[in-house]
Amino acid sequence: MVNNWLKIIQRNLIPPRCVLCGDTGFADLDLCAGCLRDLPRNLCCCYRCGEPFASELALPSLCGRCLRRSPQFDETYAPYLYRYQMPYLIGQLKFGRDYTNARLLATLLGEHIAAGAELPELLLPMPLHPKRYRERGFNQSIEIARHLARRFDIPLDLYSAVRSRDTLHQAGLPARQRLKNMRGAFRLRKTLQADHVAIVDDVMTTGATVSALAGVLKQAGVGRVDVWVCARA
């Protein structure tokens, strides 16, 4: 109750400002109404991997890649495209440690989830290799997942999944090489006591990384793995 009153007082004294243009925030967001409207929505996409379609199709539909070789996860929730303002918002969190953007991105993703997703029993942020964690000092996926866990009252597991191999950076690698690069990259410290898990991440490109983690979860007995990601490339 005290925390709620503090938040109300803070909103009245220091109203939210748009992180993109500096105008007054809209609906307690750190975005104004205009910048929120301009964010590139992922409106018509493959329900399994979130890849945007070139033209409108009857939904739900699968993309050609998922028809040829289905990933290890079952469904992806990716409300925005990784274009225009989204690389800036994610980059400021990921490389600039702007935690305001973690709250903002989680709020935007949470609105999409609340609109119709079946909630999982457990949230699992995409783990970083310890070397990367030491270099960066934090895990942006954890920061996003914390807000989502509180909003939906879902347990957050920060310890069971481990990135056991420091893989090459996925950026710039072709899709086939990305799959090879992620083999053996993850392991579980213990069996998860959940049949439905959602992996939380900031951005998805080909889906090779999250598919590798989902495969480990499926091998450990998890029945369904969804992906909650802020943006899809």
Protein backbone atom coordinates (compact mmCIF):
# COMPACT_ATOMS: atom_id res chain seq x y z
CA MET A 1 0.00 0.00 0.00
CA VAL A 2 2.84 2.38 0.89
CA ASN A 3 4.55 1.62 -2.43
CA ASN A 4 1.32 2.35 -4.31
CA TRP A 5 0.93 5.72 -2.61
CA LEU A 6 4.57 6.56 -3.39
CA LYS A 7 3.97 5.75 -7.06
CA ILE A 8 0.85 7.95 -7.15
CA ILE A 9 2.73 10.85 -5.55
CA GLN A 10 5.66 10.41 -7.93
CA ARG A 11 3.35 10.41 -10.99
CA ASN A 12 1.71 13.63 -9.82
CA LEU A 13 4.95 15.41 -8.97
CA ILE A 14 7.08 13.99 -11.81
CA PRO A 15 4.83 12.90 -14.70
CA PRO A 16 6.36 10.47 -17.19
CA ARG A 17 8.25 11.90 -20.16
CA CYS A 18 8.64 10.35 -23.60
CA VAL A 19 12.08 8.74 -23.90
CA LEU A 20 12.04 9.37 -27.65
CA CYS A 21 10.97 13.01 -28.00
CA GLY A 22 10.74 14.37 -24.45
CA ASP A 23 7.03 15.19 -24.63
CA THR A 24 4.56 14.32 -21.84
CA GLY A 25 4.05 10.58 -21.41
CA PHE A 26 0.79 8.92 -22.36
CA ALA A 27 -1.17 6.68 -19.92
CA ASP A 28 1.71 6.45 -17.43
CA LEU A 29 4.08 5.33 -20.20
CA ASP A 30 7.48 6.82 -20.86
CA LEU A 31 6.24 7.43 -24.40
CA CYS A 32 3.96 10.13 -25.74
CA ALA A 33 0.83 9.21 -27.69
CA GLY A 34 2.43 10.08 -31.03
CA CYS A 35 5.61 8.02 -30.51
CA LEU A 36 3.57 5.11 -29.19
CA ARG A 37 1.42 5.23 -32.32
CA ASP A 38 4.54 5.26 -34.53
CA LEU A 39 6.09 2.11 -33.06
CA PRO A 40 6.25 -0.56 -35.80
CA ARG A 41 3.64 -3.18 -34.92
CA ASN A 42 4.03 -6.83 -35.88
CA LEU A 43 0.40 -7.25 -36.86
CA CYS A 44 0.49 -10.16 -39.31
CA CYS A 45 3.05 -12.83 -38.52
CA CYS A 46 3.74 -16.54 -38.13
CA TYR A 47 2.16 -17.62 -34.86
CA ARG A 48 5.02 -20.03 -34.12
CA CYS A 49 8.13 -17.90 -34.72
CA GLY A 50 6.68 -14.38 -35.03
CA GLU A 51 8.26 -13.73 -38.44
CA PRO A 52 6.27 -10.98 -40.19
CA PHE A 53 4.47 -11.88 -43.40
CA ALA A 54 4.97 -9.81 -46.55
CA SER A 55 1.20 -9.61 -47.03
CA GLU A 56 -1.89 -10.23 -44.92
CA LEU A 57 -2.86 -13.87 -44.44
CA ALA A 58 -5.65 -15.59 -42.59
CA LEU A 59 -4.43 -16.01 -39.02
CA PRO A 60 -3.19 -18.12 -37.34
CA SER A 61 -0.71 -19.16 -40.06
CA LEU A 62 2.76 -20.70 -40.26
CA CYS A 63 5.64 -19.26 -42.28
CA GLY A 64 7.50 -21.34 -44.85
CA ARG A 65 10.48 -21.85 -42.54
CA CYS A 66 8.34 -23.27 -39.74
CA LEU A 67 6.49 -25.51 -42.23
CA ARG A 68 9.81 -26.92 -43.45
CA ARG A 69 11.44 -27.24 -40.02
CA SER A 70 9.49 -26.38 -36.93
CA PRO A 71 11.44 -24.75 -34.08
CA GLN A 72 11.48 -26.30 -30.63
CA PHE A 73 9.14 -23.67 -29.15
CA ASP A 74 5.38 -23.66 -29.69
CA GLU A 75 4.25 -20.03 -30.02
CA THR A 76 5.79 -16.56 -30.13
CA TYR A 77 4.36 -13.30 -28.83
CA ALA A 78 6.27 -10.44 -30.48
CA PRO A 79 4.19 -7.24 -30.60
CA TYR A 80 6.71 -5.05 -32.46
CA LEU A 81 9.14 -5.20 -35.36
CA TYR A 82 12.82 -4.53 -34.79
CA ARG A 83 12.76 -1.39 -36.92
CA TYR A 84 12.73 2.39 -36.59
CA GLN A 85 12.52 3.27 -32.86
CA MET A 86 12.71 -0.27 -31.43
CA PRO A 87 16.48 -0.80 -31.90
CA TYR A 88 17.03 2.46 -29.99
CA LEU A 89 14.71 1.51 -27.12
CA ILE A 90 16.23 -1.96 -26.78
CA GLY A 91 19.79 -0.73 -27.34
CA GLN A 92 19.52 1.93 -24.62
CA LEU A 93 18.57 -0.80 -22.17
CA LYS A 94 20.98 -3.44 -23.44
CA PHE A 95 24.08 -1.30 -23.83
CA GLY A 96 23.20 1.93 -22.01
CA ARG A 97 21.71 0.37 -18.85
CA ASP A 98 18.62 2.56 -19.14
CA TYR A 99 16.32 0.68 -16.76
CA THR A 100 13.45 3.01 -17.60
CA ASN A 101 13.32 1.23 -20.94
CA ALA A 102 13.05 -2.15 -19.21
CA ARG A 103 9.83 -1.01 -17.56
CA LEU A 104 8.58 0.53 -20.81
CA LEU A 105 9.35 -2.52 -22.96
CA ALA A 106 7.82 -4.86 -20.37
CA THR A 107 4.67 -2.73 -20.26
CA LEU A 108 4.31 -2.79 -24.05
CA LEU A 109 4.95 -6.54 -24.21
CA GLY A 110 2.63 -7.11 -21.26
CA GLU A 111 -0.24 -5.34 -23.02
CA HIS A 112 0.20 -7.72 -25.95
CA ILE A 113 0.30 -10.76 -23.65
CA ALA A 114 -2.77 -9.64 -21.72
CA ALA A 115 -4.75 -9.35 -24.95
CA GLY A 116 -5.01 -13.08 -25.42
CA ALA A 117 -2.03 -15.25 -24.46
CA GLU A 118 -2.44 -18.35 -22.33
CA LEU A 119 -0.33 -17.58 -19.27
CA PRO A 120 2.47 -20.04 -18.43
CA GLU A 121 3.35 -21.50 -15.05
CA LEU A 122 6.89 -20.11 -15.13
CA LEU A 123 8.88 -17.28 -16.74
CA LEU A 124 12.45 -18.00 -17.80
CA PRO A 125 14.62 -15.04 -18.94
CA MET A 126 17.13 -15.84 -21.68
CA PRO A 127 20.37 -16.55 -19.75
CA LEU A 128 23.71 -14.93 -20.54
CA HIS A 129 27.03 -16.75 -20.37
CA PRO A 130 28.89 -15.72 -17.16
CA LYS A 131 31.60 -14.04 -19.24
CA ARG A 132 29.04 -11.88 -21.05
CA TYR A 133 27.28 -11.13 -17.77
CA ARG A 134 30.54 -9.88 -16.23
CA GLU A 135 31.25 -7.71 -19.27
CA ARG A 136 27.76 -6.19 -19.38
CA GLY A 137 27.04 -6.17 -15.63
CA PHE A 138 23.40 -7.22 -15.99
CA ASN A 139 20.99 -9.23 -18.13
CA GLN A 140 18.43 -7.11 -19.98
CA SER A 141 16.07 -10.08 -20.35
CA ILE A 142 15.93 -10.47 -16.57
CA GLU A 143 15.07 -6.78 -16.14
CA ILE A 144 12.17 -7.09 -18.60
CA ALA A 145 11.01 -10.39 -17.10
CA ARG A 146 10.91 -8.97 -13.54
CA HIS A 147 8.20 -6.49 -14.53
CA LEU A 148 6.21 -9.15 -16.39
CA ALA A 149 6.42 -11.58 -13.46
CA ARG A 150 4.99 -8.94 -11.12
CA ARG A 151 2.26 -7.91 -13.54
CA PHE A 152 0.97 -11.42 -14.17
CA ASP A 153 1.94 -12.93 -10.79
CA ILE A 154 3.99 -15.69 -12.43
CA PRO A 155 7.08 -17.22 -10.76
CA LEU A 156 10.38 -16.06 -12.25
CA ASP A 157 13.20 -18.61 -12.51
CA LEU A 158 16.67 -17.02 -12.71
CA TYR A 159 18.78 -20.05 -11.84
CA SER A 160 17.65 -23.29 -13.48
CA ALA A 161 18.76 -22.54 -17.06
CA VAL A 162 22.46 -21.93 -17.70
CA ARG A 163 24.28 -20.76 -20.80
CA SER A 164 27.14 -23.20 -20.55
CA ARG A 165 29.03 -22.29 -23.73
CA ASP A 166 30.17 -18.82 -24.74
CA THR A 167 28.98 -18.87 -28.33
CA LEU A 168 29.94 -16.52 -31.14
CA HIS A 169 27.80 -13.43 -31.51
CA GLN A 170 24.77 -14.39 -33.61
CA ALA A 171 24.67 -11.03 -35.40
CA GLY A 172 25.98 -11.38 -38.93
CA LEU A 173 25.83 -15.19 -39.03
CA PRO A 174 23.60 -16.84 -41.68
CA ALA A 175 20.59 -18.80 -40.39
CA ARG A 176 22.20 -22.23 -40.84
CA GLN A 177 25.36 -21.14 -39.04
CA ARG A 178 23.28 -19.69 -36.18
CA LEU A 179 21.71 -23.12 -35.56
CA LYS A 180 25.14 -24.77 -35.52
CA ASN A 181 26.53 -22.06 -33.26
CA MET A 182 23.88 -22.74 -30.59
CA ARG A 183 24.32 -26.51 -30.30
CA GLY A 184 25.07 -27.44 -26.70
CA ALA A 185 24.85 -23.82 -25.58
CA PHE A 186 22.37 -24.42 -22.72
CA ARG A 187 21.85 -26.84 -19.87
CA LEU A 188 19.54 -27.13 -16.88
CA ARG A 189 20.79 -27.27 -13.31
CA LYS A 190 17.57 -29.00 -12.24
CA THR A 191 14.31 -30.26 -13.67
CA LEU A 192 11.66 -27.58 -13.90
CA GLN A 193 8.42 -28.18 -12.03
CA ALA A 194 6.30 -26.70 -14.79
CA ASP A 195 4.61 -28.04 -17.90
CA HIS A 196 4.18 -24.62 -19.58
CA VAL A 197 7.11 -22.18 -19.65
CA ALA A 198 7.60 -18.84 -21.40
CA ILE A 199 11.10 -17.70 -22.36
CA VAL A 200 11.50 -13.91 -22.12
CA ASP A 201 13.95 -12.03 -24.36
CA ASP A 202 14.40 -8.58 -25.87
CA VAL A 203 14.62 -9.30 -29.60
CA MET A 204 14.42 -12.35 -31.88
CA THR A 205 16.17 -12.61 -35.22
CA THR A 206 16.06 -16.14 -36.68
CA GLY A 207 14.96 -17.80 -33.43
CA ALA A 208 17.97 -20.15 -33.32
CA THR A 209 18.99 -19.14 -29.78
CA VAL A 210 15.57 -19.46 -28.20
CA SER A 211 14.91 -22.70 -30.10
CA ALA A 212 18.08 -24.19 -28.63
CA LEU A 213 16.96 -23.32 -25.10
CA ALA A 214 13.42 -24.54 -25.79
CA GLY A 215 14.85 -27.86 -27.00
CA VAL A 216 16.66 -28.35 -23.70
CA LEU A 217 13.43 -27.58 -21.83
CA LYS A 218 11.45 -30.04 -23.95
CA GLN A 219 14.05 -32.77 -23.39
CA ALA A 220 13.68 -32.16 -19.64
CA GLY A 221 9.94 -32.81 -19.82
CA VAL A 222 8.40 -29.36 -20.33
CA GLY A 223 5.28 -29.82 -22.44
CA ARG A 224 4.89 -26.34 -23.95
CA VAL A 225 7.38 -23.51 -24.45
CA ASP A 226 6.23 -20.05 -25.56
CA VAL A 227 8.44 -17.09 -26.41
CA TRP A 228 7.71 -13.59 -25.11
CA VAL A 229 9.89 -11.11 -26.98
CA CYS A 230 9.63 -7.34 -27.36
CA ALA A 231 10.50 -7.20 -31.05
CA ARG A 232 10.98 -9.47 -34.05
CA ALA A 233 13.57 -8.83 -36.74
